[in-house]
Protein backbone atom coordinates (compact mmCIF):
# COMPACT_ATOMS: atom_id res chain seq x y z
CA MET A 1 7.80 335.51 -20.18
CA SER A 2 8.60 338.84 -18.69
CA LEU A 3 8.65 339.49 -14.80
CA LEU A 4 5.48 341.57 -15.31
CA SER A 5 3.59 338.99 -17.03
CA PHE A 6 4.60 336.29 -14.47
CA ASN A 7 3.37 338.51 -11.67
CA ARG A 8 0.07 338.90 -13.38
CA LEU A 9 -0.61 335.13 -13.48
CA ARG A 10 -2.72 333.42 -10.96
CA THR A 11 -0.91 331.55 -8.11
CA GLU A 12 -1.75 328.14 -9.61
CA ALA A 13 -0.29 329.15 -13.08
CA GLN A 14 2.84 330.70 -11.48
CA LEU A 15 3.50 327.44 -9.66
CA GLU A 16 2.92 325.37 -12.86
CA MET A 17 5.25 327.60 -14.79
CA LEU A 18 8.01 327.16 -12.14
CA MET A 19 7.63 323.42 -11.99
CA HIS A 20 7.87 323.09 -15.85
CA VAL A 21 10.33 325.88 -16.69
CA GLY A 22 11.85 327.17 -13.52
CA VAL A 23 15.29 326.03 -12.23
CA LEU A 24 15.33 325.22 -8.44
CA LEU A 25 18.51 326.85 -7.03
CA VAL A 26 17.94 326.02 -3.41
CA GLU A 27 15.28 324.93 -0.86
CA CYS A 28 15.55 325.54 2.74
CA LYS A 29 13.53 325.28 5.83
CA ARG A 30 13.30 327.92 8.67
CA GLY A 31 10.72 327.34 11.47
CA ASN A 32 7.48 326.24 10.02
CA ARG A 33 8.32 327.49 6.46
CA THR A 34 9.82 326.09 3.36
CA MET A 35 11.47 328.53 1.15
CA ARG A 36 12.52 327.66 -2.50
CA LEU A 37 14.41 329.87 -4.78
CA PHE A 38 13.89 329.43 -8.48
CA PHE A 39 15.55 330.96 -11.55
CA LEU A 40 13.11 331.60 -14.57
CA HIS A 41 14.05 333.35 -17.70
CA ARG A 42 15.94 336.35 -16.37
CA TYR A 43 14.65 336.79 -12.87
CA TYR A 44 14.27 335.02 -9.48
CA VAL A 45 11.05 333.69 -7.93
CA GLU A 46 10.92 333.03 -4.15
CA VAL A 47 8.17 330.70 -3.02
CA ILE A 48 7.36 330.48 0.68
CA ALA A 49 5.12 327.72 1.86
CA SER A 50 4.12 326.06 5.26
CA SER A 51 6.21 323.14 6.08
CA GLU A 52 3.17 321.65 7.78
CA THR A 53 0.60 321.95 5.15
CA GLY A 54 2.47 322.72 1.86
CA LYS A 55 0.22 325.73 1.29
CA VAL A 56 1.85 328.40 -0.52
CA ILE A 57 2.05 331.65 1.63
CA ARG A 58 3.76 333.92 -0.82
CA ILE A 59 5.29 334.00 -4.28
CA SER A 60 7.64 336.98 -5.03
CA ALA A 61 9.44 337.40 -8.36
CA PHE A 62 12.28 339.78 -8.63
CA GLU A 63 15.50 340.85 -10.65
CA ASP A 64 17.46 342.41 -7.61
CA ILE A 65 20.27 340.00 -7.00
CA LYS A 66 20.70 341.39 -3.55
CA ARG A 67 17.64 339.57 -2.61
CA ILE A 68 19.12 336.20 -3.12
CA GLU A 69 21.86 336.80 -0.60
CA PRO A 70 20.10 335.01 2.34
CA TYR A 71 20.31 331.83 0.12
CA LEU A 72 23.78 331.82 -0.97
CA HIS A 73 25.12 329.94 2.02
CA GLU A 74 22.44 327.26 1.50
CA ILE A 75 23.49 326.44 -2.16
CA ASP A 76 25.47 323.21 -2.44
CA LEU A 77 28.38 323.79 -4.90
CA SER A 78 30.23 320.58 -4.09
CA SER A 79 29.08 319.08 -7.42
CA LEU A 80 30.72 321.82 -9.30
CA ILE A 81 34.23 321.27 -7.83
């Protein structure tokens, strides 16, 4: 599925696609928000949700690798060593 096609899906369909096909790269909490970064096909998807309610606040799909920089220090690479 292309980035454009993913962005055209309803939120529920996007989440279902991520749960079945996406690869969770990292999950982190900042304040009252939980942020998850997925890799899906050839692009990344950021899901921001309320830590208190679990309600999705925003889903953002992108190809620009610079946008994953805030997550890099959160990724556990110890299993790769």
